Amino acid sequence: MASSKEYLEYILEQLSDLEDITYRTMMGEYVLYYKCKIVGGIYDDRLLVKPVKAAARYMPEAEYTLPYEGAKEMLLVHNVDSREYLTGLFEAMEPELPAPKRKRRA
């Protein structure tokens, strides 16, 4: 099941206190970026984030789940209705996220 544009817009609105939030469409789902780093995505109208240590500390009760078959596990974010919570989560995660890979020139 593909994620809805409405859910994406809701999550982006919840994260609107942060600068440098972008997204990319990928096979009917959305990959979310914060400061050019992949932080997670929207899969089947669920917000999932990378399972970095900061995210696990911030959400100790979070469950690990697969965004799609064959993918690595991610953490499911339940508290998407709190702007402050989501902002704090993304800010806590950002220092631990890997830097974007440089593209090679052909």
PDB file of N, CA and C in Angstrom:
ATOM      1  N   MET A   1       0.837  -1.173   0.000  1.00  0.00           N
ATOM      2  CA  MET A   1       0.000   0.000   0.000  1.00  0.00           C
ATOM      3  C   MET A   1       0.891   1.247   0.000  1.00  0.00           C
ATOM      4  N   ALA A   2       0.661   2.135  -0.890  1.00  0.00           N
ATOM      5  CA  ALA A   2       1.440   3.375  -0.952  1.00  0.00           C
ATOM      6  C   ALA A   2       0.938   4.354   0.108  1.00  0.00           C
ATOM      7  N   SER A   3       1.827   5.221   0.546  1.00  0.00           N
ATOM      8  CA  SER A   3       1.463   6.248   1.523  1.00  0.00           C
ATOM      9  C   SER A   3       0.736   7.390   0.831  1.00  0.00           C
ATOM     10  N   SER A   4      -0.138   8.041   1.578  1.00  0.00           N
ATOM     11  CA  SER A   4      -0.914   9.142   1.014  1.00  0.00           C
ATOM     12  C   SER A   4      -0.135  10.454   1.097  1.00  0.00           C
ATOM     13  N   LYS A   5      -0.380  11.303   0.141  1.00  0.00           N
ATOM     14  CA  LYS A   5       0.218  12.643   0.126  1.00  0.00           C
ATOM     15  C   LYS A   5      -0.264  13.436   1.355  1.00  0.00           C
ATOM     16  N   GLU A   6      -1.495  13.177   1.790  1.00  0.00           N
ATOM     17  CA  GLU A   6      -2.046  13.866   2.961  1.00  0.00           C
ATOM     18  C   GLU A   6      -1.259  13.533   4.228  1.00  0.00           C
ATOM     19  N   TYR A   7      -0.880  12.263   4.384  1.00  0.00           N
ATOM     20  CA  TYR A   7      -0.099  11.885   5.564  1.00  0.00           C
ATOM     21  C   TYR A   7       1.279  12.533   5.512  1.00  0.00           C
ATOM     22  N   LEU A   8       1.898  12.531   4.340  1.00  0.00           N
ATOM     23  CA  LEU A   8       3.187  13.213   4.175  1.00  0.00           C
ATOM     24  C   LEU A   8       3.064  14.678   4.572  1.00  0.00           C
ATOM     25  N   GLU A   9       2.042  15.355   4.065  1.00  0.00           N
ATOM     26  CA  GLU A   9       1.856  16.772   4.372  1.00  0.00           C
ATOM     27  C   GLU A   9       1.638  16.989   5.867  1.00  0.00           C
ATOM     28  N   TYR A  10       0.919  16.089   6.524  1.00  0.00           N
ATOM     29  CA  TYR A  10       0.701  16.194   7.965  1.00  0.00           C
ATOM     30  C   TYR A  10       2.037  16.088   8.716  1.00  0.00           C
ATOM     31  N   ILE A  11       2.852  15.098   8.361  1.00  0.00           N
ATOM     32  CA  ILE A  11       4.148  14.920   9.023  1.00  0.00           C
ATOM     33  C   ILE A  11       5.046  16.130   8.764  1.00  0.00           C
ATOM     34  N   LEU A  12       5.060  16.622   7.529  1.00  0.00           N
ATOM     35  CA  LEU A  12       5.877  17.804   7.212  1.00  0.00           C
ATOM     36  C   LEU A  12       5.416  19.020   8.010  1.00  0.00           C
ATOM     37  N   GLU A  13       4.116  19.152   8.204  1.00  0.00           N
ATOM     38  CA  GLU A  13       3.597  20.257   9.022  1.00  0.00           C
ATOM     39  C   GLU A  13       4.044  20.098  10.477  1.00  0.00           C
ATOM     40  N   GLN A  14       4.019  18.873  10.983  1.00  0.00           N
ATOM     41  CA  GLN A  14       4.465  18.619  12.350  1.00  0.00           C
ATOM     42  C   GLN A  14       5.945  18.944  12.529  1.00  0.00           C
ATOM     43  N   LEU A  15       6.718  18.815  11.458  1.00  0.00           N
ATOM     44  CA  LEU A  15       8.161  19.077  11.507  1.00  0.00           C
ATOM     45  C   LEU A  15       8.528  20.485  11.036  1.00  0.00           C
ATOM     46  N   SER A  16       7.539  21.338  10.847  1.00  0.00           N
ATOM     47  CA  SER A  16       7.785  22.650  10.235  1.00  0.00           C
ATOM     48  C   SER A  16       8.616  23.598  11.096  1.00  0.00           C
ATOM     49  N   ASP A  17       8.829  23.285  12.362  1.00  0.00           N
ATOM     50  CA  ASP A  17       9.702  24.118  13.192  1.00  0.00           C
ATOM     51  C   ASP A  17      11.181  23.880  12.870  1.00  0.00           C
ATOM     52  N   LEU A  18      11.475  22.811  12.147  1.00  0.00           N
ATOM     53  CA  LEU A  18      12.846  22.489  11.750  1.00  0.00           C
ATOM     54  C   LEU A  18      13.130  23.030  10.355  1.00  0.00           C
ATOM     55  N   GLU A  19      14.337  23.512  10.174  1.00  0.00           N
ATOM     56  CA  GLU A  19      14.759  23.905   8.832  1.00  0.00           C
ATOM     57  C   GLU A  19      15.423  22.708   8.177  1.00  0.00           C
ATOM     58  N   ASP A  20      15.499  22.729   6.873  1.00  0.00           N
ATOM     59  CA  ASP A  20      16.191  21.686   6.113  1.00  0.00           C
ATOM     60  C   ASP A  20      15.520  20.324   6.168  1.00  0.00           C
ATOM     61  N   ILE A  21      14.194  20.280   6.246  1.00  0.00           N
ATOM     62  CA  ILE A  21      13.464  19.021   6.095  1.00  0.00           C
ATOM     63  C   ILE A  21      13.074  18.910   4.631  1.00  0.00           C
ATOM     64  N   THR A  22      13.468  17.830   3.994  1.00  0.00           N
ATOM     65  CA  THR A  22      13.091  17.580   2.606  1.00  0.00           C
ATOM     66  C   THR A  22      12.657  16.121   2.491  1.00  0.00           C
ATOM     67  N   TYR A  23      12.131  15.789   1.333  1.00  0.00           N
ATOM     68  CA  TYR A  23      11.722  14.407   1.094  1.00  0.00           C
ATOM     69  C   TYR A  23      11.929  14.059  -0.365  1.00  0.00           C
ATOM     70  N   ARG A  24      11.953  12.763  -0.623  1.00  0.00           N
ATOM     71  CA  ARG A  24      12.056  12.249  -1.982  1.00  0.00           C
ATOM     72  C   ARG A  24      11.063  11.091  -2.099  1.00  0.00           C
ATOM     73  N   THR A  25      10.319  11.089  -3.182  1.00  0.00           N
ATOM     74  CA  THR A  25       9.380  10.000  -3.442  1.00  0.00           C
ATOM     75  C   THR A  25      10.150   8.772  -3.906  1.00  0.00           C
ATOM     76  N   MET A  26       9.777   7.610  -3.357  1.00  0.00           N
ATOM     77  CA  MET A  26      10.430   6.367  -3.739  1.00  0.00           C
ATOM     78  C   MET A  26       9.384   5.249  -3.769  1.00  0.00           C
ATOM     79  N   MET A  27       9.008   4.838  -4.957  1.00  0.00           N
ATOM     80  CA  MET A  27       8.061   3.736  -5.159  1.00  0.00           C
ATOM     81  C   MET A  27       6.783   3.897  -4.337  1.00  0.00           C
ATOM     82  N   GLY A  28       6.190   5.076  -4.356  1.00  0.00           N
ATOM     83  CA  GLY A  28       4.938   5.311  -3.649  1.00  0.00           C
ATOM     84  C   GLY A  28       5.094   5.628  -2.178  1.00  0.00           C
ATOM     85  N   GLU A  29       6.317   5.667  -1.708  1.00  0.00           N
ATOM     86  CA  GLU A  29       6.604   6.009  -0.315  1.00  0.00           C
ATOM     87  C   GLU A  29       7.465   7.261  -0.309  1.00  0.00           C
ATOM     88  N   TYR A  30       7.863   7.731   0.875  1.00  0.00           N
ATOM     89  CA  TYR A  30       8.614   8.977   0.982  1.00  0.00           C
ATOM     90  C   TYR A  30       9.807   8.808   1.916  1.00  0.00           C
ATOM     91  N   VAL A  31      10.986   9.138   1.429  1.00  0.00           N
ATOM     92  CA  VAL A  31      12.193   9.138   2.250  1.00  0.00           C
ATOM     93  C   VAL A  31      12.349  10.557   2.799  1.00  0.00           C
ATOM     94  N   LEU A  32      12.555  10.681   4.102  1.00  0.00           N
ATOM     95  CA  LEU A  32      12.686  11.990   4.751  1.00  0.00           C
ATOM     96  C   LEU A  32      14.153  12.299   5.036  1.00  0.00           C
ATOM     97  N   TYR A  33      14.510  13.547   4.792  1.00  0.00           N
ATOM     98  CA  TYR A  33      15.876  14.027   5.020  1.00  0.00           C
ATOM     99  C   TYR A  33      15.837  15.183   6.015  1.00  0.00           C
ATOM    100  N   TYR A  34      16.821  15.220   6.884  1.00  0.00           N
ATOM    101  CA  TYR A  34      17.008  16.350   7.779  1.00  0.00           C
ATOM    102  C   TYR A  34      18.465  16.779   7.655  1.00  0.00           C
ATOM    103  N   LYS A  35      18.677  18.009   7.252  1.00  0.00           N
ATOM    104  CA  LYS A  35      20.020  18.543   7.001  1.00  0.00           C
ATOM    105  C   LYS A  35      20.781  17.646   6.017  1.00  0.00           C
ATOM    106  N   CYS A  36      20.090  17.239   4.970  1.00  0.00           N
ATOM    107  CA  CYS A  36      20.631  16.415   3.871  1.00  0.00           C
ATOM    108  C   CYS A  36      20.951  14.980   4.286  1.00  0.00           C
ATOM    109  N   LYS A  37      20.579  14.565   5.484  1.00  0.00           N
ATOM    110  CA  LYS A  37      20.830  13.205   5.959  1.00  0.00           C
ATOM    111  C   LYS A  37      19.510  12.442   6.006  1.00  0.00           C
ATOM    112  N   ILE A  38      19.538  11.184   5.591  1.00  0.00           N
ATOM    113  CA  ILE A  38      18.326  10.365   5.662  1.00  0.00           C
ATOM    114  C   ILE A  38      18.033  10.060   7.124  1.00  0.00           C
ATOM    115  N   VAL A  39      16.845  10.490   7.566  1.00  0.00           N
ATOM    116  CA  VAL A  39      16.448  10.275   8.955  1.00  0.00           C
ATOM    117  C   VAL A  39      15.435   9.138   9.058  1.00  0.00           C
ATOM    118  N   GLY A  40      14.702   8.910   7.992  1.00  0.00           N
ATOM    119  CA  GLY A  40      13.686   7.859   7.996  1.00  0.00           C
ATOM    120  C   GLY A  40      12.786   8.011   6.791  1.00  0.00           C
ATOM    121  N   GLY A  41      11.526   7.655   6.984  1.00  0.00           N
ATOM    122  CA  GLY A  41      10.606   7.769   5.874  1.00  0.00           C
ATOM    123  C   GLY A  41       9.179   7.474   6.284  1.00  0.00           C
ATOM    124  N   ILE A  42       8.309   7.634   5.316  1.00  0.00           N
ATOM    125  CA  ILE A  42       6.898   7.327   5.499  1.00  0.00           C
ATOM    126  C   ILE A  42       6.602   6.113   4.633  1.00  0.00           C
ATOM    127  N   TYR A  43       6.170   5.051   5.291  1.00  0.00           N
ATOM    128  CA  TYR A  43       5.893   3.780   4.640  1.00  0.00           C
ATOM    129  C   TYR A  43       4.528   3.292   5.106  1.00  0.00           C
ATOM    130  N   ASP A  44       3.634   3.060   4.181  1.00  0.00           N
ATOM    131  CA  ASP A  44       2.268   2.617   4.510  1.00  0.00           C
ATOM    132  C   ASP A  44       1.616   3.545   5.536  1.00  0.00           C
ATOM    133  N   ASP A  45       1.782   4.845   5.334  1.00  0.00           N
ATOM    134  CA  ASP A  45       1.235   5.864   6.236  1.00  0.00           C
ATOM    135  C   ASP A  45       1.691   5.668   7.685  1.00  0.00           C
ATOM    136  N   ARG A  46       2.960   5.294   7.846  1.00  0.00           N
ATOM    137  CA  ARG A  46       3.596   5.181   9.162  1.00  0.00           C
ATOM    138  C   ARG A  46       4.912   5.931   9.085  1.00  0.00           C
ATOM    139  N   LEU A  47       5.241   6.676  10.130  1.00  0.00           N
ATOM    140  CA  LEU A  47       6.535   7.347  10.207  1.00  0.00           C
ATOM    141  C   LEU A  47       7.524   6.384  10.854  1.00  0.00           C
ATOM    142  N   LEU A  48       8.583   6.053  10.103  1.00  0.00           N
ATOM    143  CA  LEU A  48       9.643   5.189  10.601  1.00  0.00           C
ATOM    144  C   LEU A  48      10.952   5.952  10.550  1.00  0.00           C
ATOM    145  N   VAL A  49      11.800   5.741  11.553  1.00  0.00           N
ATOM    146  CA  VAL A  49      13.104   6.407  11.584  1.00  0.00           C
ATOM    147  C   VAL A  49      14.206   5.374  11.718  1.00  0.00           C
ATOM    148  N   LYS A  50      15.412   5.800  11.322  1.00  0.00           N
ATOM    149  CA  LYS A  50      16.578   4.925  11.445  1.00  0.00           C
ATOM    150  C   LYS A  50      16.800   4.587  12.921  1.00  0.00           C
ATOM    151  N   PRO A  51      17.212   3.366  13.192  1.00  0.00           N
ATOM    152  CA  PRO A  51      17.377   2.950  14.592  1.00  0.00           C
ATOM    153  C   PRO A  51      18.730   3.342  15.186  1.00  0.00           C
ATOM    154  N   VAL A  52      19.071   4.619  15.098  1.00  0.00           N
ATOM    155  CA  VAL A  52      20.308   5.085  15.723  1.00  0.00           C
ATOM    156  C   VAL A  52      20.107   5.113  17.243  1.00  0.00           C
ATOM    157  N   LYS A  53      21.207   5.131  17.978  1.00  0.00           N
ATOM    158  CA  LYS A  53      21.130   5.060  19.441  1.00  0.00           C
ATOM    159  C   LYS A  53      20.287   6.191  20.029  1.00  0.00           C
ATOM    160  N   ALA A  54      20.419   7.385  19.474  1.00  0.00           N
ATOM    161  CA  ALA A  54      19.659   8.528  20.005  1.00  0.00           C
ATOM    162  C   ALA A  54      18.156   8.300  19.863  1.00  0.00           C
ATOM    163  N   ALA A  55      17.730   7.712  18.755  1.00  0.00           N
ATOM    164  CA  ALA A  55      16.305   7.434  18.554  1.00  0.00           C
ATOM    165  C   ALA A  55      15.821   6.376  19.541  1.00  0.00           C
ATOM    166  N   ALA A  56      16.625   5.349  19.760  1.00  0.00           N
ATOM    167  CA  ALA A  56      16.258   4.296  20.708  1.00  0.00           C
ATOM    168  C   ALA A  56      16.170   4.848  22.131  1.00  0.00           C
ATOM    169  N   ARG A  57      17.071   5.776  22.482  1.00  0.00           N
ATOM    170  CA  ARG A  57      17.009   6.409  23.813  1.00  0.00           C
ATOM    171  C   ARG A  57      15.789   7.311  23.925  1.00  0.00           C
ATOM    172  N   TYR A  58      15.497   8.043  22.864  1.00  0.00           N
ATOM    173  CA  TYR A  58      14.381   8.997  22.867  1.00  0.00           C
ATOM    174  C   TYR A  58      13.036   8.263  22.931  1.00  0.00           C
ATOM    175  N   MET A  59      12.984   7.094  22.293  1.00  0.00           N
ATOM    176  CA  MET A  59      11.742   6.309  22.250  1.00  0.00           C
ATOM    177  C   MET A  59      12.020   4.897  22.773  1.00  0.00           C
ATOM    178  N   PRO A  60      12.247   4.730  24.072  1.00  0.00           N
ATOM    179  CA  PRO A  60      12.637   3.420  24.593  1.00  0.00           C
ATOM    180  C   PRO A  60      11.583   2.328  24.374  1.00  0.00           C
ATOM    181  N   GLU A  61      10.339   2.703  24.200  1.00  0.00           N
ATOM    182  CA  GLU A  61       9.266   1.723  24.005  1.00  0.00           C
ATOM    183  C   GLU A  61       8.962   1.476  22.529  1.00  0.00           C
ATOM    184  N   ALA A  62       9.697   2.113  21.631  1.00  0.00           N
ATOM    185  CA  ALA A  62       9.417   1.988  20.201  1.00  0.00           C
ATOM    186  C   ALA A  62       9.647   0.563  19.728  1.00  0.00           C
ATOM    187  N   GLU A  63       8.826   0.164  18.783  1.00  0.00           N
ATOM    188  CA  GLU A  63       8.981  -1.175  18.222  1.00  0.00           C
ATOM    189  C   GLU A  63       9.750  -1.111  16.913  1.00  0.00           C
ATOM    190  N   TYR A  64      10.512  -2.148  16.670  1.00  0.00           N
ATOM    191  CA  TYR A  64      11.238  -2.286  15.411  1.00  0.00           C
ATOM    192  C   TYR A  64      10.294  -2.925  14.400  1.00  0.00           C
ATOM    193  N   THR A  65      10.305  -2.408  13.192  1.00  0.00           N
ATOM    194  CA  THR A  65       9.446  -2.941  12.150  1.00  0.00           C
ATOM    195  C   THR A  65      10.105  -2.754  10.789  1.00  0.00           C
ATOM    196  N   LEU A  66       9.651  -3.497   9.816  1.00  0.00           N
ATOM    197  CA  LEU A  66      10.193  -3.394   8.464  1.00  0.00           C
ATOM    198  C   LEU A  66       9.377  -2.402   7.650  1.00  0.00           C
ATOM    199  N   PRO A  67      10.030  -1.486   6.955  1.00  0.00           N
ATOM    200  CA  PRO A  67       9.286  -0.564   6.101  1.00  0.00           C
ATOM    201  C   PRO A  67       8.689  -1.287   4.898  1.00  0.00           C
ATOM    202  N   TYR A  68       9.399  -2.293   4.414  1.00  0.00           N
ATOM    203  CA  TYR A  68       8.938  -3.131   3.296  1.00  0.00           C
ATOM    204  C   TYR A  68       9.758  -4.419   3.335  1.00  0.00           C
ATOM    205  N   GLU A  69       9.290  -5.425   2.661  1.00  0.00           N
ATOM    206  CA  GLU A  69       9.962  -6.721   2.678  1.00  0.00           C
ATOM    207  C   GLU A  69      11.379  -6.611   2.124  1.00  0.00           C
ATOM    208  N   GLY A  70      12.317  -7.174   2.856  1.00  0.00           N
ATOM    209  CA  GLY A  70      13.708  -7.166   2.434  1.00  0.00           C
ATOM    210  C   GLY A  70      14.511  -5.972   2.939  1.00  0.00           C
ATOM    211  N   ALA A  71      13.871  -5.044   3.626  1.00  0.00           N
ATOM    212  CA  ALA A  71      14.550  -3.847   4.138  1.00  0.00           C
ATOM    213  C   ALA A  71      15.099  -4.098   5.538  1.00  0.00           C
ATOM    214  N   LYS A  72      15.930  -3.194   5.997  1.00  0.00           N
ATOM    215  CA  LYS A  72      16.423  -3.245   7.375  1.00  0.00           C
ATOM    216  C   LYS A  72      15.338  -2.705   8.303  1.00  0.00           C
ATOM    217  N   GLU A  73      15.346  -3.183   9.538  1.00  0.00           N
ATOM    218  CA  GLU A  73      14.359  -2.728  10.510  1.00  0.00           C
ATOM    219  C   GLU A  73      14.555  -1.249  10.841  1.00  0.00           C
ATOM    220  N   MET A  74      13.438  -0.611  11.120  1.00  0.00           N
ATOM    221  CA  MET A  74      13.431   0.790  11.528  1.00  0.00           C
ATOM    222  C   MET A  74      12.552   0.911  12.766  1.00  0.00           C
ATOM    223  N   LEU A  75      12.585   2.069  13.403  1.00  0.00           N
ATOM    224  CA  LEU A  75      11.762   2.312  14.584  1.00  0.00           C
ATOM    225  C   LEU A  75      10.461   3.011  14.181  1.00  0.00           C
ATOM    226  N   LEU A  76       9.348   2.492  14.668  1.00  0.00           N
ATOM    227  CA  LEU A  76       8.037   3.075  14.396  1.00  0.00           C
ATOM    228  C   LEU A  76       7.770   4.200  15.391  1.00  0.00           C
ATOM    229  N   VAL A  77       7.438   5.377  14.863  1.00  0.00           N
ATOM    230  CA  VAL A  77       7.136   6.537  15.712  1.00  0.00           C
ATOM    231  C   VAL A  77       5.626   6.608  15.902  1.00  0.00           C
ATOM    232  N   HIS A  78       5.187   6.453  17.135  1.00  0.00           N
ATOM    233  CA  HIS A  78       3.746   6.504  17.428  1.00  0.00           C
ATOM    234  C   HIS A  78       3.271   7.923  17.719  1.00  0.00           C
ATOM    235  N   ASN A  79       4.104   8.720  18.349  1.00  0.00           N
ATOM    236  CA  ASN A  79       3.687  10.041  18.837  1.00  0.00           C
ATOM    237  C   ASN A  79       3.854  11.106  17.749  1.00  0.00           C
ATOM    238  N   VAL A  80       3.152  10.943  16.633  1.00  0.00           N
ATOM    239  CA  VAL A  80       3.297  11.890  15.524  1.00  0.00           C
ATOM    240  C   VAL A  80       2.433  13.140  15.698  1.00  0.00           C
ATOM    241  N   ASP A  81       1.572  13.152  16.704  1.00  0.00           N
ATOM    242  CA  ASP A  81       0.688  14.302  16.904  1.00  0.00           C
ATOM    243  C   ASP A  81       1.320  15.418  17.734  1.00  0.00           C
ATOM    244  N   SER A  82       2.508  15.192  18.247  1.00  0.00           N
ATOM    245  CA  SER A  82       3.199  16.208  19.044  1.00  0.00           C
ATOM    246  C   SER A  82       4.358  16.800  18.242  1.00  0.00           C
ATOM    247  N   ARG A  83       4.218  18.067  17.880  1.00  0.00           N
ATOM    248  CA  ARG A  83       5.285  18.760  17.144  1.00  0.00           C
ATOM    249  C   ARG A  83       6.575  18.773  17.947  1.00  0.00           C
ATOM    250  N   GLU A  84       6.462  19.068  19.239  1.00  0.00           N
ATOM    251  CA  GLU A  84       7.643  19.166  20.090  1.00  0.00           C
ATOM    252  C   GLU A  84       8.373  17.826  20.166  1.00  0.00           C
ATOM    253  N   TYR A  85       7.612  16.759  20.269  1.00  0.00           N
ATOM    254  CA  TYR A  85       8.190  15.424  20.344  1.00  0.00           C
ATOM    255  C   TYR A  85       8.960  15.097  19.063  1.00  0.00           C
ATOM    256  N   LEU A  86       8.335  15.311  17.912  1.00  0.00           N
ATOM    257  CA  LEU A  86       8.987  15.005  16.634  1.00  0.00           C
ATOM    258  C   LEU A  86      10.202  15.887  16.399  1.00  0.00           C
ATOM    259  N   THR A  87      10.090  17.164  16.740  1.00  0.00           N
ATOM    260  CA  THR A  87      11.217  18.076  16.585  1.00  0.00           C
ATOM    261  C   THR A  87      12.389  17.611  17.450  1.00  0.00           C
ATOM    262  N   GLY A  88      12.107  17.264  18.693  1.00  0.00           N
ATOM    263  CA  GLY A  88      13.140  16.783  19.600  1.00  0.00           C
ATOM    264  C   GLY A  88      13.775  15.484  19.117  1.00  0.00           C
ATOM    265  N   LEU A  89      12.956  14.589  18.581  1.00  0.00           N
ATOM    266  CA  LEU A  89      13.460  13.324  18.061  1.00  0.00           C
ATOM    267  C   LEU A  89      14.438  13.563  16.917  1.00  0.00           C
ATOM    268  N   PHE A  90      14.037  14.361  15.930  1.00  0.00           N
ATOM    269  CA  PHE A  90      14.899  14.612  14.777  1.00  0.00           C
ATOM    270  C   PHE A  90      16.177  15.339  15.183  1.00  0.00           C
ATOM    271  N   GLU A  91      16.074  16.301  16.096  1.00  0.00           N
ATOM    272  CA  GLU A  91      17.265  17.017  16.564  1.00  0.00           C
ATOM    273  C   GLU A  91      18.217  16.083  17.313  1.00  0.00           C
ATOM    274  N   ALA A  92      17.669  15.171  18.096  1.00  0.00           N
ATOM    275  CA  ALA A  92      18.500  14.217  18.836  1.00  0.00           C
ATOM    276  C   ALA A  92      19.205  13.253  17.888  1.00  0.00           C
ATOM    277  N   MET A  93      18.539  12.858  16.825  1.00  0.00           N
ATOM    278  CA  MET A  93      19.087  11.879  15.889  1.00  0.00           C
ATOM    279  C   MET A  93      20.141  12.461  14.958  1.00  0.00           C
ATOM    280  N   GLU A  94      20.008  13.700  14.569  1.00  0.00           N
ATOM    281  CA  GLU A  94      20.822  14.279  13.498  1.00  0.00           C
ATOM    282  C   GLU A  94      22.332  14.082  13.674  1.00  0.00           C
ATOM    283  N   PRO A  95      22.920  14.300  14.853  1.00  0.00           N
ATOM    284  CA  PRO A  95      24.373  14.118  14.966  1.00  0.00           C
ATOM    285  C   PRO A  95      24.837  12.681  14.709  1.00  0.00           C
ATOM    286  N   GLU A  96      23.971  11.697  14.903  1.00  0.00           N
ATOM    287  CA  GLU A  96      24.342  10.300  14.733  1.00  0.00           C
ATOM    288  C   GLU A  96      24.061   9.758  13.331  1.00  0.00           C
ATOM    289  N   LEU A  97      23.377  10.535  12.505  1.00  0.00           N
ATOM    290  CA  LEU A  97      23.050  10.063  11.154  1.00  0.00           C
ATOM    291  C   LEU A  97      24.272  10.161  10.258  1.00  0.00           C
ATOM    292  N   PRO A  98      24.459   9.173   9.384  1.00  0.00           N
ATOM    293  CA  PRO A  98      25.616   9.239   8.483  1.00  0.00           C
ATOM    294  C   PRO A  98      25.507  10.399   7.507  1.00  0.00           C
ATOM    295  N   ALA A  99      26.656  10.967   7.180  1.00  0.00           N
ATOM    296  CA  ALA A  99      26.697  12.057   6.190  1.00  0.00           C
ATOM    297  C   ALA A  99      26.288  11.500   4.839  1.00  0.00           C
ATOM    298  N   PRO A 100      25.701  12.355   3.996  1.00  0.00           N
ATOM    299  CA  PRO A 100      25.311  11.872   2.668  1.00  0.00           C
ATOM    300  C   PRO A 100      26.532  11.426   1.884  1.00  0.00           C
ATOM    301  N   LYS A 101      26.340  10.394   1.067  1.00  0.00           N
ATOM    302  CA  LYS A 101      27.430   9.898   0.227  1.00  0.00           C
ATOM    303  C   LYS A 101      27.621  10.838  -0.944  1.00  0.00           C
ATOM    304  N   ARG A 102      28.868  11.086  -1.262  1.00  0.00           N
ATOM    305  CA  ARG A 102      29.179  11.933  -2.411  1.00  0.00           C
ATOM    306  C   ARG A 102      28.945  11.151  -3.691  1.00  0.00           C
ATOM    307  N   LYS A 103      28.341  11.813  -4.655  1.00  0.00           N
ATOM    308  CA  LYS A 103      28.102  11.171  -5.939  1.00  0.00           C
ATOM    309  C   LYS A 103      29.371  11.272  -6.795  1.00  0.00           C
ATOM    310  N   ARG A 104      29.677  10.186  -7.452  1.00  0.00           N
ATOM    311  CA  ARG A 104      30.850  10.165  -8.326  1.00  0.00           C
ATOM    312  C   ARG A 104      30.487  10.784  -9.663  1.00  0.00           C
ATOM    313  N   ARG A 105      31.436  11.492 -10.198  1.00  0.00           N
ATOM    314  CA  ARG A 105      31.225  12.045 -11.526  1.00  0.00           C
ATOM    315  C   ARG A 105      31.651  11.016 -12.551  1.00  0.00           C
ATOM    316  N   ALA A 106      30.875  10.906 -13.594  1.00  0.00           N
ATOM    317  CA  ALA A 106      31.178   9.913 -14.633  1.00  0.00           C
ATOM    318  C   ALA A 106      32.176  10.475 -15.635  1.00  0.00           C
TER     319      ALA A 106
END
